[in-house]
Amino acid sequence: MSQQQSADWVRLAQSPSRTERIEAFFGGHGYEPHRHDTYAIGQTIAGVQSFHYRGGLQHSLPGGTMVLHPDEIHDGEAGTEAGFHYRMVYIEPALIQKILGGRPLPFIPDGLSADPRLRRAAQPLLKAVTDTFEPLEEEDALYDLAQTLAVVGGQRSRRQAFDYQAAERAREYIHACFMQDMTLDTLSQVSGRDRWSLSRDFRTLYGTSRGATS
């Protein structure tokens, strides 16, 4: 995309998903002050994205990650004449809470992070809005992002008990039915373990996600 582009545009992901995703370009003013009841997590693809947040003026550049906490007022505009191109994903705080198992919601000061761990964790959920998720891909990405948000936000990890038998039931099911599309709900029913505990068990016991198990 040329940075000389002047026509504003916004595209929404149309495929079924547990999140809402957008991709947009604004040549100047982007949007008025508003708030979301979700996390708004995004990355600037090109240009400078400037926004007022928690009493300060912030500037999002390519290479960083924006993390806007639920119910925080923010706006948006181009920081240069070249405009800005960005992608955002909107995630219900209750979903993050379920993954973290009762820990406080993560908070990133100033709404910006240069931590490469957070950038890597957010990227799978910030693919082009025309792209779709493979089975279990979005669930794995949400788990990784929630855990990384907690770490980058300064929370100490808590050691939690795992259920080897439940994880083995799920792993054996994946091997037996690898040609079929499967959901995390299905694996949860097969294993008798809730979805996010099962995600933790797989990483603890096998060092990989469910979808990558071989």
N, C-alpha and C. Protein backbone atom coordinates (compact mmCIF):
# COMPACT_ATOMS: atom_id res chain seq x y z
N MET A 1 0.84 -1.19 0.00
CA MET A 1 0.00 0.00 0.00
C MET A 1 0.87 1.24 0.00
N SER A 2 0.60 2.17 -0.86
CA SER A 2 1.36 3.41 -0.92
C SER A 2 0.99 4.30 0.25
N GLN A 3 2.01 4.92 0.87
CA GLN A 3 1.74 5.83 1.97
C GLN A 3 1.17 7.15 1.47
N GLN A 4 1.13 7.34 0.15
CA GLN A 4 0.53 8.55 -0.39
C GLN A 4 -0.97 8.40 -0.57
N GLN A 5 -1.50 7.23 -0.26
CA GLN A 5 -2.94 7.00 -0.37
C GLN A 5 -3.68 8.01 0.50
N SER A 6 -4.77 8.57 -0.04
CA SER A 6 -5.49 9.61 0.69
C SER A 6 -6.91 9.20 1.07
N ALA A 7 -7.52 8.25 0.35
CA ALA A 7 -8.89 7.86 0.64
C ALA A 7 -8.94 6.96 1.88
N ASP A 8 -9.74 7.35 2.85
CA ASP A 8 -9.87 6.54 4.06
C ASP A 8 -10.68 5.28 3.77
N TRP A 9 -10.36 4.21 4.46
CA TRP A 9 -11.14 2.98 4.33
C TRP A 9 -11.06 2.17 5.62
N VAL A 10 -12.12 1.38 5.85
CA VAL A 10 -12.19 0.48 7.00
C VAL A 10 -12.76 -0.85 6.52
N ARG A 11 -12.11 -1.95 6.86
CA ARG A 11 -12.58 -3.28 6.48
C ARG A 11 -12.78 -4.12 7.73
N LEU A 12 -13.85 -4.88 7.74
CA LEU A 12 -14.18 -5.75 8.88
C LEU A 12 -14.02 -7.20 8.48
N ALA A 13 -13.51 -8.01 9.39
CA ALA A 13 -13.44 -9.45 9.15
C ALA A 13 -14.86 -10.01 9.13
N GLN A 14 -15.15 -10.85 8.15
CA GLN A 14 -16.50 -11.37 7.98
C GLN A 14 -16.66 -12.81 8.47
N SER A 15 -15.56 -13.53 8.65
CA SER A 15 -15.67 -14.93 9.04
C SER A 15 -16.08 -15.06 10.50
N PRO A 16 -16.81 -16.12 10.86
CA PRO A 16 -17.21 -16.32 12.25
C PRO A 16 -15.99 -16.39 13.17
N SER A 17 -16.08 -15.79 14.33
CA SER A 17 -14.91 -15.68 15.19
C SER A 17 -15.35 -15.34 16.61
N ARG A 18 -14.46 -15.59 17.58
CA ARG A 18 -14.72 -15.20 18.96
C ARG A 18 -14.33 -13.75 19.20
N THR A 19 -13.73 -13.10 18.21
CA THR A 19 -13.29 -11.72 18.33
C THR A 19 -13.81 -10.91 17.15
N GLU A 20 -13.66 -9.59 17.24
CA GLU A 20 -13.96 -8.70 16.12
C GLU A 20 -12.63 -8.13 15.63
N ARG A 21 -12.42 -8.14 14.31
CA ARG A 21 -11.16 -7.64 13.75
C ARG A 21 -11.44 -6.59 12.69
N ILE A 22 -10.63 -5.54 12.67
CA ILE A 22 -10.73 -4.54 11.62
C ILE A 22 -9.34 -4.22 11.08
N GLU A 23 -9.33 -3.68 9.88
CA GLU A 23 -8.11 -3.14 9.26
C GLU A 23 -8.52 -1.83 8.61
N ALA A 24 -7.72 -0.79 8.75
CA ALA A 24 -8.14 0.53 8.27
C ALA A 24 -6.96 1.39 7.87
N PHE A 25 -7.27 2.40 7.07
CA PHE A 25 -6.32 3.46 6.72
C PHE A 25 -7.03 4.80 6.87
N PHE A 26 -6.35 5.75 7.50
CA PHE A 26 -6.84 7.12 7.60
C PHE A 26 -5.72 8.07 7.19
N GLY A 27 -6.09 9.00 6.32
CA GLY A 27 -5.11 9.97 5.85
C GLY A 27 -4.90 11.14 6.79
N GLY A 28 -5.85 11.37 7.69
CA GLY A 28 -5.76 12.49 8.63
C GLY A 28 -6.48 12.14 9.91
N HIS A 29 -7.64 12.80 10.13
CA HIS A 29 -8.44 12.49 11.32
C HIS A 29 -9.04 11.10 11.19
N GLY A 30 -8.92 10.32 12.26
CA GLY A 30 -9.44 8.96 12.23
C GLY A 30 -10.80 8.83 12.89
N TYR A 31 -10.88 9.13 14.18
CA TYR A 31 -12.14 8.95 14.88
C TYR A 31 -12.17 9.81 16.14
N GLU A 32 -13.39 10.16 16.54
CA GLU A 32 -13.63 11.00 17.71
C GLU A 32 -13.39 10.20 19.00
N PRO A 33 -13.25 10.88 20.14
CA PRO A 33 -13.10 10.16 21.41
C PRO A 33 -14.26 9.20 21.65
N HIS A 34 -13.92 7.99 22.03
CA HIS A 34 -14.93 6.96 22.30
C HIS A 34 -14.30 5.91 23.20
N ARG A 35 -15.07 4.93 23.59
CA ARG A 35 -14.55 3.85 24.42
C ARG A 35 -15.17 2.53 23.98
N HIS A 36 -14.53 1.44 24.34
CA HIS A 36 -15.03 0.10 24.05
C HIS A 36 -15.24 -0.64 25.37
N ASP A 37 -16.14 -1.61 25.36
CA ASP A 37 -16.27 -2.48 26.53
C ASP A 37 -15.40 -3.73 26.38
N THR A 38 -14.50 -3.70 25.41
CA THR A 38 -13.56 -4.79 25.16
C THR A 38 -12.13 -4.27 25.26
N TYR A 39 -11.19 -5.19 25.28
CA TYR A 39 -9.81 -4.80 24.98
C TYR A 39 -9.73 -4.45 23.50
N ALA A 40 -8.96 -3.41 23.16
CA ALA A 40 -8.65 -3.08 21.78
C ALA A 40 -7.15 -3.24 21.62
N ILE A 41 -6.74 -4.24 20.88
CA ILE A 41 -5.32 -4.57 20.74
C ILE A 41 -4.96 -4.49 19.27
N GLY A 42 -3.92 -3.75 18.95
CA GLY A 42 -3.61 -3.54 17.55
C GLY A 42 -2.15 -3.22 17.29
N GLN A 43 -1.85 -3.15 16.00
CA GLN A 43 -0.51 -2.79 15.55
C GLN A 43 -0.62 -1.87 14.35
N THR A 44 0.22 -0.86 14.34
CA THR A 44 0.30 0.07 13.21
C THR A 44 1.17 -0.56 12.14
N ILE A 45 0.62 -0.70 10.94
CA ILE A 45 1.34 -1.34 9.84
C ILE A 45 2.25 -0.34 9.15
N ALA A 46 1.77 0.89 8.98
CA ALA A 46 2.55 1.94 8.32
C ALA A 46 2.11 3.29 8.85
N GLY A 47 3.03 4.24 8.87
CA GLY A 47 2.71 5.58 9.32
C GLY A 47 2.80 5.72 10.83
N VAL A 48 2.24 6.82 11.33
CA VAL A 48 2.21 7.11 12.77
C VAL A 48 0.76 7.29 13.19
N GLN A 49 0.32 6.50 14.15
CA GLN A 49 -1.04 6.57 14.67
C GLN A 49 -1.00 7.29 16.02
N SER A 50 -1.54 8.50 16.08
CA SER A 50 -1.52 9.30 17.30
C SER A 50 -2.88 9.24 17.98
N PHE A 51 -2.88 9.16 19.30
CA PHE A 51 -4.15 9.09 20.02
C PHE A 51 -3.97 9.59 21.45
N HIS A 52 -5.04 10.19 21.95
CA HIS A 52 -5.08 10.63 23.35
C HIS A 52 -5.60 9.47 24.19
N TYR A 53 -4.88 9.20 25.30
CA TYR A 53 -5.23 8.05 26.13
C TYR A 53 -4.76 8.30 27.56
N ARG A 54 -5.68 8.26 28.49
CA ARG A 54 -5.37 8.41 29.91
C ARG A 54 -4.55 9.68 30.19
N GLY A 55 -4.97 10.78 29.58
CA GLY A 55 -4.36 12.07 29.86
C GLY A 55 -3.11 12.40 29.09
N GLY A 56 -2.68 11.54 28.20
CA GLY A 56 -1.47 11.80 27.43
C GLY A 56 -1.69 11.59 25.95
N LEU A 57 -0.79 12.13 25.13
CA LEU A 57 -0.82 11.92 23.68
C LEU A 57 0.20 10.85 23.34
N GLN A 58 -0.26 9.75 22.76
CA GLN A 58 0.59 8.62 22.44
C GLN A 58 0.77 8.50 20.93
N HIS A 59 1.86 7.86 20.52
CA HIS A 59 2.16 7.69 19.10
C HIS A 59 2.54 6.23 18.86
N SER A 60 1.70 5.54 18.11
CA SER A 60 1.95 4.14 17.78
C SER A 60 2.69 4.06 16.45
N LEU A 61 3.82 3.34 16.46
CA LEU A 61 4.66 3.17 15.28
C LEU A 61 4.72 1.70 14.91
N PRO A 62 5.06 1.39 13.66
CA PRO A 62 5.26 -0.01 13.30
C PRO A 62 6.31 -0.65 14.21
N GLY A 63 6.03 -1.86 14.64
CA GLY A 63 6.95 -2.56 15.53
C GLY A 63 6.46 -2.63 16.96
N GLY A 64 5.52 -1.78 17.34
CA GLY A 64 4.97 -1.79 18.69
C GLY A 64 3.57 -2.38 18.70
N THR A 65 2.98 -2.43 19.89
CA THR A 65 1.64 -2.98 20.05
C THR A 65 0.80 -2.04 20.91
N MET A 66 -0.40 -1.75 20.46
CA MET A 66 -1.35 -0.97 21.24
C MET A 66 -2.22 -1.90 22.07
N VAL A 67 -2.39 -1.57 23.34
CA VAL A 67 -3.28 -2.33 24.21
C VAL A 67 -4.13 -1.33 24.98
N LEU A 68 -5.36 -1.13 24.51
CA LEU A 68 -6.27 -0.18 25.13
C LEU A 68 -7.21 -0.94 26.05
N HIS A 69 -7.21 -0.57 27.30
CA HIS A 69 -7.98 -1.28 28.32
C HIS A 69 -9.47 -1.01 28.14
N PRO A 70 -10.34 -1.96 28.49
CA PRO A 70 -11.78 -1.72 28.38
C PRO A 70 -12.21 -0.45 29.11
N ASP A 71 -13.11 0.28 28.48
CA ASP A 71 -13.76 1.46 29.05
C ASP A 71 -12.84 2.67 29.17
N GLU A 72 -11.70 2.67 28.47
CA GLU A 72 -10.81 3.83 28.48
C GLU A 72 -11.07 4.67 27.22
N ILE A 73 -11.31 5.97 27.40
CA ILE A 73 -11.58 6.86 26.27
C ILE A 73 -10.31 7.07 25.45
N HIS A 74 -10.45 7.06 24.13
CA HIS A 74 -9.33 7.31 23.23
C HIS A 74 -9.88 7.83 21.90
N ASP A 75 -9.00 8.48 21.14
CA ASP A 75 -9.36 8.94 19.80
C ASP A 75 -8.28 8.44 18.85
N GLY A 76 -8.19 9.02 17.65
CA GLY A 76 -7.16 8.58 16.72
C GLY A 76 -7.04 9.51 15.54
N GLU A 77 -5.78 9.75 15.14
CA GLU A 77 -5.51 10.58 13.97
C GLU A 77 -4.12 10.27 13.45
N ALA A 78 -3.86 10.71 12.22
CA ALA A 78 -2.55 10.51 11.63
C ALA A 78 -1.53 11.44 12.28
N GLY A 79 -0.36 10.89 12.60
CA GLY A 79 0.69 11.69 13.19
C GLY A 79 1.55 12.40 12.17
N THR A 80 1.41 12.02 10.89
CA THR A 80 2.13 12.67 9.80
C THR A 80 1.20 12.79 8.60
N GLU A 81 1.64 13.49 7.58
CA GLU A 81 0.81 13.67 6.38
C GLU A 81 0.65 12.38 5.59
N ALA A 82 1.46 11.37 5.90
CA ALA A 82 1.38 10.11 5.16
C ALA A 82 0.18 9.26 5.57
N GLY A 83 -0.50 9.63 6.68
CA GLY A 83 -1.60 8.83 7.16
C GLY A 83 -1.11 7.61 7.92
N PHE A 84 -2.04 6.74 8.31
CA PHE A 84 -1.64 5.53 9.03
C PHE A 84 -2.54 4.36 8.68
N HIS A 85 -1.92 3.19 8.64
CA HIS A 85 -2.58 1.93 8.31
C HIS A 85 -2.41 1.02 9.53
N TYR A 86 -3.50 0.44 10.00
CA TYR A 86 -3.40 -0.36 11.22
C TYR A 86 -4.42 -1.50 11.23
N ARG A 87 -4.20 -2.45 12.14
CA ARG A 87 -5.13 -3.55 12.38
C ARG A 87 -5.42 -3.62 13.87
N MET A 88 -6.67 -3.96 14.19
CA MET A 88 -7.08 -4.07 15.59
C MET A 88 -7.92 -5.33 15.78
N VAL A 89 -7.83 -5.89 16.97
CA VAL A 89 -8.71 -6.98 17.37
C VAL A 89 -9.35 -6.59 18.69
N TYR A 90 -10.64 -6.87 18.82
CA TYR A 90 -11.40 -6.50 20.01
C TYR A 90 -11.79 -7.78 20.76
N ILE A 91 -11.38 -7.87 22.02
CA ILE A 91 -11.53 -9.10 22.79
C ILE A 91 -12.28 -8.82 24.09
N GLU A 92 -13.31 -9.60 24.35
CA GLU A 92 -14.09 -9.44 25.58
C GLU A 92 -13.20 -9.65 26.80
N PRO A 93 -13.26 -8.76 27.78
CA PRO A 93 -12.45 -8.95 28.99
C PRO A 93 -12.79 -10.24 29.73
N ALA A 94 -14.05 -10.68 29.66
CA ALA A 94 -14.43 -11.92 30.32
C ALA A 94 -13.69 -13.12 29.72
N LEU A 95 -13.39 -13.05 28.43
CA LEU A 95 -12.65 -14.12 27.78
C LEU A 95 -11.21 -14.16 28.29
N ILE A 96 -10.59 -12.99 28.40
CA ILE A 96 -9.24 -12.92 28.96
C ILE A 96 -9.24 -13.45 30.40
N GLN A 97 -10.26 -13.08 31.15
CA GLN A 97 -10.36 -13.51 32.54
C GLN A 97 -10.47 -15.02 32.65
N LYS A 98 -11.26 -15.64 31.78
CA LYS A 98 -11.41 -17.09 31.81
C LYS A 98 -10.07 -17.78 31.54
N ILE A 99 -9.32 -17.25 30.58
CA ILE A 99 -8.03 -17.85 30.24
C ILE A 99 -7.06 -17.73 31.41
N LEU A 100 -7.07 -16.59 32.08
CA LEU A 100 -6.13 -16.35 33.18
C LEU A 100 -6.57 -17.00 34.48
N GLY A 101 -7.78 -17.52 34.51
CA GLY A 101 -8.22 -18.29 35.67
C GLY A 101 -8.35 -17.51 36.95
N GLY A 102 -8.88 -16.29 36.86
CA GLY A 102 -9.14 -15.52 38.07
C GLY A 102 -8.11 -14.47 38.41
N ARG A 103 -7.04 -14.38 37.62
CA ARG A 103 -6.06 -13.32 37.86
C ARG A 103 -6.63 -11.98 37.40
N PRO A 104 -6.13 -10.86 37.93
CA PRO A 104 -6.63 -9.54 37.50
C PRO A 104 -6.42 -9.32 36.00
N LEU A 105 -7.26 -8.50 35.40
CA LEU A 105 -7.08 -8.18 34.00
C LEU A 105 -5.76 -7.45 33.80
N PRO A 106 -4.97 -7.83 32.79
CA PRO A 106 -3.69 -7.16 32.55
C PRO A 106 -3.89 -5.70 32.14
N PHE A 107 -2.95 -4.87 32.53
CA PHE A 107 -2.99 -3.45 32.18
C PHE A 107 -1.62 -3.03 31.66
N ILE A 108 -1.61 -2.37 30.51
CA ILE A 108 -0.38 -1.87 29.89
C ILE A 108 -0.38 -0.35 30.00
N PRO A 109 0.54 0.24 30.76
CA PRO A 109 0.56 1.70 30.93
C PRO A 109 0.68 2.43 29.60
N ASP A 110 -0.03 3.52 29.46
CA ASP A 110 0.01 4.39 28.28
C ASP A 110 -0.56 3.74 27.02
N GLY A 111 -1.04 2.51 27.12
CA GLY A 111 -1.66 1.86 25.97
C GLY A 111 -0.71 1.41 24.89
N LEU A 112 0.60 1.45 25.15
CA LEU A 112 1.60 1.07 24.15
C LEU A 112 2.65 0.16 24.78
N SER A 113 3.14 -0.79 24.00
CA SER A 113 4.22 -1.65 24.44
C SER A 113 5.19 -1.90 23.29
N ALA A 114 6.48 -1.84 23.59
CA ALA A 114 7.52 -2.18 22.61
C ALA A 114 8.06 -3.58 22.86
N ASP A 115 7.43 -4.33 23.75
CA ASP A 115 7.93 -5.66 24.11
C ASP A 115 7.74 -6.62 22.93
N PRO A 116 8.81 -7.23 22.43
CA PRO A 116 8.68 -8.13 21.27
C PRO A 116 7.84 -9.36 21.57
N ARG A 117 7.77 -9.76 22.83
CA ARG A 117 6.94 -10.93 23.17
C ARG A 117 5.47 -10.63 22.91
N LEU A 118 5.05 -9.43 23.24
CA LEU A 118 3.66 -9.05 23.03
C LEU A 118 3.37 -8.88 21.55
N ARG A 119 4.31 -8.32 20.82
CA ARG A 119 4.12 -8.18 19.38
C ARG A 119 3.93 -9.55 18.73
N ARG A 120 4.78 -10.51 19.09
CA ARG A 120 4.67 -11.85 18.51
C ARG A 120 3.35 -12.51 18.89
N ALA A 121 2.94 -12.34 20.14
CA ALA A 121 1.71 -12.99 20.60
C ALA A 121 0.47 -12.40 19.94
N ALA A 122 0.50 -11.10 19.63
CA ALA A 122 -0.67 -10.45 19.03
C ALA A 122 -0.79 -10.71 17.54
N GLN A 123 0.32 -10.95 16.86
CA GLN A 123 0.29 -11.02 15.40
C GLN A 123 -0.65 -12.08 14.83
N PRO A 124 -0.76 -13.28 15.41
CA PRO A 124 -1.69 -14.26 14.83
C PRO A 124 -3.14 -13.78 14.81
N LEU A 125 -3.52 -12.92 15.75
CA LEU A 125 -4.88 -12.39 15.79
C LEU A 125 -5.03 -11.13 14.96
N LEU A 126 -3.92 -10.62 14.43
CA LEU A 126 -3.94 -9.39 13.64
C LEU A 126 -3.58 -9.65 12.19
N LYS A 127 -3.91 -10.84 11.71
CA LYS A 127 -3.71 -11.13 10.29
C LYS A 127 -4.69 -10.30 9.47
N ALA A 128 -4.50 -10.26 8.16
CA ALA A 128 -5.39 -9.51 7.29
C ALA A 128 -6.84 -9.96 7.51
N VAL A 129 -7.77 -9.02 7.46
CA VAL A 129 -9.17 -9.36 7.77
C VAL A 129 -9.78 -10.29 6.73
N THR A 130 -9.15 -10.42 5.58
CA THR A 130 -9.65 -11.36 4.57
C THR A 130 -9.21 -12.79 4.86
N ASP A 131 -8.24 -12.96 5.78
CA ASP A 131 -7.78 -14.29 6.15
C ASP A 131 -8.71 -14.90 7.20
N THR A 132 -8.83 -16.20 7.20
CA THR A 132 -9.66 -16.90 8.18
C THR A 132 -8.77 -17.73 9.11
N PHE A 133 -9.36 -18.18 10.20
CA PHE A 133 -8.63 -19.00 11.16
C PHE A 133 -8.85 -20.49 10.87
N GLU A 134 -7.78 -21.27 10.98
CA GLU A 134 -7.89 -22.71 10.93
C GLU A 134 -8.53 -23.20 12.24
N PRO A 135 -9.07 -24.43 12.24
CA PRO A 135 -9.64 -24.95 13.49
C PRO A 135 -8.62 -24.88 14.63
N LEU A 136 -9.04 -24.38 15.75
CA LEU A 136 -8.25 -24.24 16.98
C LEU A 136 -7.21 -23.12 16.92
N GLU A 137 -6.96 -22.55 15.74
CA GLU A 137 -5.93 -21.52 15.62
C GLU A 137 -6.26 -20.28 16.46
N GLU A 138 -7.50 -19.83 16.39
CA GLU A 138 -7.86 -18.64 17.14
C GLU A 138 -7.81 -18.89 18.64
N GLU A 139 -8.26 -20.07 19.07
CA GLU A 139 -8.23 -20.40 20.50
C GLU A 139 -6.80 -20.39 21.02
N ASP A 140 -5.89 -21.00 20.28
CA ASP A 140 -4.49 -21.03 20.70
C ASP A 140 -3.91 -19.62 20.76
N ALA A 141 -4.25 -18.81 19.77
CA ALA A 141 -3.73 -17.44 19.73
C ALA A 141 -4.26 -16.61 20.90
N LEU A 142 -5.52 -16.78 21.24
CA LEU A 142 -6.10 -16.06 22.38
C LEU A 142 -5.42 -16.47 23.68
N TYR A 143 -5.18 -17.75 23.84
CA TYR A 143 -4.50 -18.22 25.05
C TYR A 143 -3.11 -17.60 25.16
N ASP A 144 -2.34 -17.66 24.08
CA ASP A 144 -0.98 -17.10 24.09
C ASP A 144 -1.00 -15.61 24.38
N LEU A 145 -1.94 -14.89 23.76
CA LEU A 145 -2.00 -13.45 23.96
C LEU A 145 -2.35 -13.10 25.40
N ALA A 146 -3.33 -13.78 25.97
CA ALA A 146 -3.73 -13.49 27.35
C ALA A 146 -2.58 -13.73 28.32
N GLN A 147 -1.87 -14.83 28.15
CA GLN A 147 -0.76 -15.13 29.03
C GLN A 147 0.37 -14.11 28.87
N THR A 148 0.63 -13.70 27.64
CA THR A 148 1.69 -12.72 27.40
C THR A 148 1.31 -11.36 27.95
N LEU A 149 0.05 -10.97 27.79
CA LEU A 149 -0.42 -9.72 28.38
C LEU A 149 -0.18 -9.70 29.88
N ALA A 150 -0.46 -10.81 30.54
CA ALA A 150 -0.28 -10.88 31.98
C ALA A 150 1.19 -10.71 32.36
N VAL A 151 2.07 -11.36 31.62
CA VAL A 151 3.50 -11.27 31.92
C VAL A 151 4.03 -9.86 31.65
N VAL A 152 3.71 -9.32 30.48
CA VAL A 152 4.19 -7.99 30.13
C VAL A 152 3.59 -6.94 31.06
N GLY A 153 2.36 -7.18 31.52
CA GLY A 153 1.72 -6.26 32.45
C GLY A 153 2.23 -6.36 33.87
N GLY A 154 3.18 -7.26 34.11
CA GLY A 154 3.82 -7.33 35.42
C GLY A 154 3.25 -8.33 36.39
N GLN A 155 2.33 -9.20 35.92
CA GLN A 155 1.78 -10.20 36.83
C GLN A 155 2.74 -11.38 36.98
N ARG A 156 2.82 -11.91 38.17
CA ARG A 156 3.63 -13.09 38.42
C ARG A 156 2.82 -14.32 38.05
N SER A 157 3.47 -15.24 37.34
CA SER A 157 2.77 -16.46 36.95
C SER A 157 2.52 -17.34 38.17
N ARG A 158 1.42 -18.08 38.11
CA ARG A 158 1.06 -18.96 39.22
C ARG A 158 1.15 -20.41 38.75
N ARG A 159 1.76 -21.22 39.57
CA ARG A 159 1.85 -22.64 39.25
C ARG A 159 0.48 -23.29 39.45
N GLN A 160 0.00 -23.98 38.42
CA GLN A 160 -1.31 -24.60 38.50
C GLN A 160 -1.20 -26.09 38.22
N ALA A 161 -2.06 -26.87 38.87
CA ALA A 161 -2.05 -28.31 38.69
C ALA A 161 -2.52 -28.66 37.29
N PHE A 162 -1.93 -29.72 36.73
CA PHE A 162 -2.34 -30.18 35.41
C PHE A 162 -3.04 -31.53 35.54
N ASP A 163 -3.75 -31.91 34.48
CA ASP A 163 -4.48 -33.18 34.45
C ASP A 163 -3.95 -33.98 33.27
N TYR A 164 -3.01 -34.89 33.55
CA TYR A 164 -2.37 -35.66 32.48
C TYR A 164 -3.37 -36.54 31.75
N GLN A 165 -4.25 -37.20 32.47
CA GLN A 165 -5.19 -38.11 31.83
C GLN A 165 -6.12 -37.36 30.87
N ALA A 166 -6.58 -36.20 31.27
CA ALA A 166 -7.45 -35.41 30.38
C ALA A 166 -6.70 -34.98 29.13
N ALA A 167 -5.46 -34.54 29.29
CA ALA A 167 -4.67 -34.12 28.14
C ALA A 167 -4.41 -35.29 27.20
N GLU A 168 -4.14 -36.48 27.76
CA GLU A 168 -3.91 -37.66 26.92
C GLU A 168 -5.17 -38.03 26.14
N ARG A 169 -6.34 -37.94 26.78
CA ARG A 169 -7.58 -38.24 26.06
C ARG A 169 -7.75 -37.30 24.88
N ALA A 170 -7.47 -36.02 25.10
CA ALA A 170 -7.59 -35.05 24.01
C ALA A 170 -6.55 -35.32 22.92
N ARG A 171 -5.31 -35.63 23.33
CA ARG A 171 -4.25 -35.89 22.34
C ARG A 171 -4.57 -37.11 21.49
N GLU A 172 -5.06 -38.17 22.13
CA GLU A 172 -5.42 -39.38 21.40
C GLU A 172 -6.57 -39.12 20.44
N TYR A 173 -7.51 -38.29 20.86
CA TYR A 173 -8.63 -37.94 19.97
C TYR A 173 -8.13 -37.17 18.75
N ILE A 174 -7.19 -36.25 18.97
CA ILE A 174 -6.63 -35.48 17.85
C ILE A 174 -5.96 -36.43 16.86
N HIS A 175 -5.19 -37.40 17.36
CA HIS A 175 -4.53 -38.36 16.48
C HIS A 175 -5.54 -39.21 15.72
N ALA A 176 -6.59 -39.65 16.39
CA ALA A 176 -7.57 -40.53 15.77
C ALA A 176 -8.44 -39.80 14.76
N CYS A 177 -8.66 -38.51 14.96
CA CYS A 177 -9.60 -37.75 14.13
C CYS A 177 -8.92 -36.58 13.44
N PHE A 178 -7.63 -36.74 13.11
CA PHE A 178 -6.89 -35.59 12.59
C PHE A 178 -7.40 -35.12 11.24
N MET A 179 -8.13 -35.96 10.51
CA MET A 179 -8.67 -35.55 9.21
C MET A 179 -9.95 -34.74 9.35
N GLN A 180 -10.50 -34.68 10.54
CA GLN A 180 -11.76 -33.97 10.76
C GLN A 180 -11.50 -32.59 11.34
N ASP A 181 -12.41 -31.67 11.01
CA ASP A 181 -12.38 -30.37 11.69
C ASP A 181 -12.84 -30.58 13.13
N MET A 182 -12.13 -29.97 14.06
CA MET A 182 -12.52 -30.12 15.46
C MET A 182 -12.45 -28.78 16.15
N THR A 183 -13.24 -28.66 17.19
CA THR A 183 -13.29 -27.42 17.95
C THR A 183 -12.76 -27.67 19.35
N LEU A 184 -12.46 -26.60 20.03
CA LEU A 184 -12.01 -26.72 21.41
C LEU A 184 -13.13 -27.22 22.31
N ASP A 185 -14.37 -26.92 21.95
CA ASP A 185 -15.50 -27.45 22.71
C ASP A 185 -15.53 -28.98 22.64
N THR A 186 -15.24 -29.51 21.44
CA THR A 186 -15.21 -30.96 21.28
C THR A 186 -14.12 -31.58 22.13
N LEU A 187 -12.92 -31.00 22.09
CA LEU A 187 -11.81 -31.52 22.88
C LEU A 187 -12.10 -31.41 24.37
N SER A 188 -12.79 -30.36 24.75
CA SER A 188 -13.16 -30.19 26.15
C SER A 188 -14.10 -31.31 26.60
N GLN A 189 -15.07 -31.65 25.73
CA GLN A 189 -16.01 -32.71 26.06
C GLN A 189 -15.32 -34.07 26.11
N VAL A 190 -14.41 -34.30 25.16
CA VAL A 190 -13.70 -35.58 25.11
C VAL A 190 -12.81 -35.76 26.34
N SER A 191 -12.15 -34.70 26.74
CA SER A 191 -11.17 -34.78 27.83
C SER A 191 -11.80 -34.65 29.21
N GLY A 192 -12.98 -34.00 29.28
CA GLY A 192 -13.58 -33.72 30.57
C GLY A 192 -12.92 -32.58 31.30
N ARG A 193 -12.23 -31.73 30.56
CA ARG A 193 -11.48 -30.60 31.13
C ARG A 193 -11.94 -29.33 30.44
N ASP A 194 -12.06 -28.22 31.19
CA ASP A 194 -12.48 -27.00 30.53
C ASP A 194 -11.42 -26.53 29.55
N ARG A 195 -11.83 -25.77 28.56
CA ARG A 195 -10.99 -25.46 27.40
C ARG A 195 -9.67 -24.80 27.78
N TRP A 196 -9.70 -23.84 28.69
CA TRP A 196 -8.47 -23.09 28.97
C TRP A 196 -7.54 -23.88 29.88
N SER A 197 -8.08 -24.69 30.79
CA SER A 197 -7.24 -25.58 31.58
C SER A 197 -6.57 -26.61 30.66
N LEU A 198 -7.32 -27.08 29.67
CA LEU A 198 -6.76 -28.02 28.70
C LEU A 198 -5.61 -27.37 27.93
N SER A 199 -5.77 -26.11 27.55
CA SER A 199 -4.69 -25.39 26.87
C SER A 199 -3.43 -25.33 27.74
N ARG A 200 -3.61 -25.01 29.02
CA ARG A 200 -2.46 -24.97 29.94
C ARG A 200 -1.82 -26.35 30.06
N ASP A 201 -2.66 -27.39 30.17
CA ASP A 201 -2.12 -28.74 30.31
C ASP A 201 -1.26 -29.13 29.12
N PHE A 202 -1.71 -28.82 27.91
CA PHE A 202 -0.96 -29.19 26.72
C PHE A 202 0.41 -28.52 26.71
N ARG A 203 0.46 -27.27 27.07
CA ARG A 203 1.74 -26.58 27.06
C ARG A 203 2.65 -27.09 28.18
N THR A 204 2.08 -27.42 29.31
CA THR A 204 2.87 -27.94 30.42
C THR A 204 3.42 -29.33 30.11
N LEU A 205 2.59 -30.20 29.55
CA LEU A 205 2.95 -31.59 29.35
C LEU A 205 3.66 -31.87 28.04
N TYR A 206 3.27 -31.15 26.98
CA TYR A 206 3.80 -31.46 25.65
C TYR A 206 4.59 -30.31 25.03
N GLY A 207 4.55 -29.15 25.67
CA GLY A 207 5.32 -28.01 25.17
C GLY A 207 4.82 -27.46 23.86
N THR A 208 3.56 -27.70 23.54
CA THR A 208 3.03 -27.24 22.26
C THR A 208 1.53 -27.05 22.40
N SER A 209 0.94 -26.45 21.38
CA SER A 209 -0.50 -26.26 21.38
C SER A 209 -1.19 -27.54 20.92
N ARG A 210 -2.48 -27.60 21.13
CA ARG A 210 -3.24 -28.78 20.71
C ARG A 210 -3.17 -28.98 19.21
N GLY A 211 -3.30 -27.88 18.45
CA GLY A 211 -3.33 -28.00 17.00
C GLY A 211 -2.01 -28.46 16.42
N ALA A 212 -0.90 -28.26 17.15
CA ALA A 212 0.42 -28.62 16.63
C ALA A 212 0.90 -29.97 17.15
N THR A 213 0.09 -30.67 17.91
CA THR A 213 0.52 -31.93 18.49
C THR A 213 0.69 -32.99 17.42
N SER A 214 1.79 -33.71 17.49
CA SER A 214 2.04 -34.76 16.49
C SER A 214 2.28 -36.10 17.16
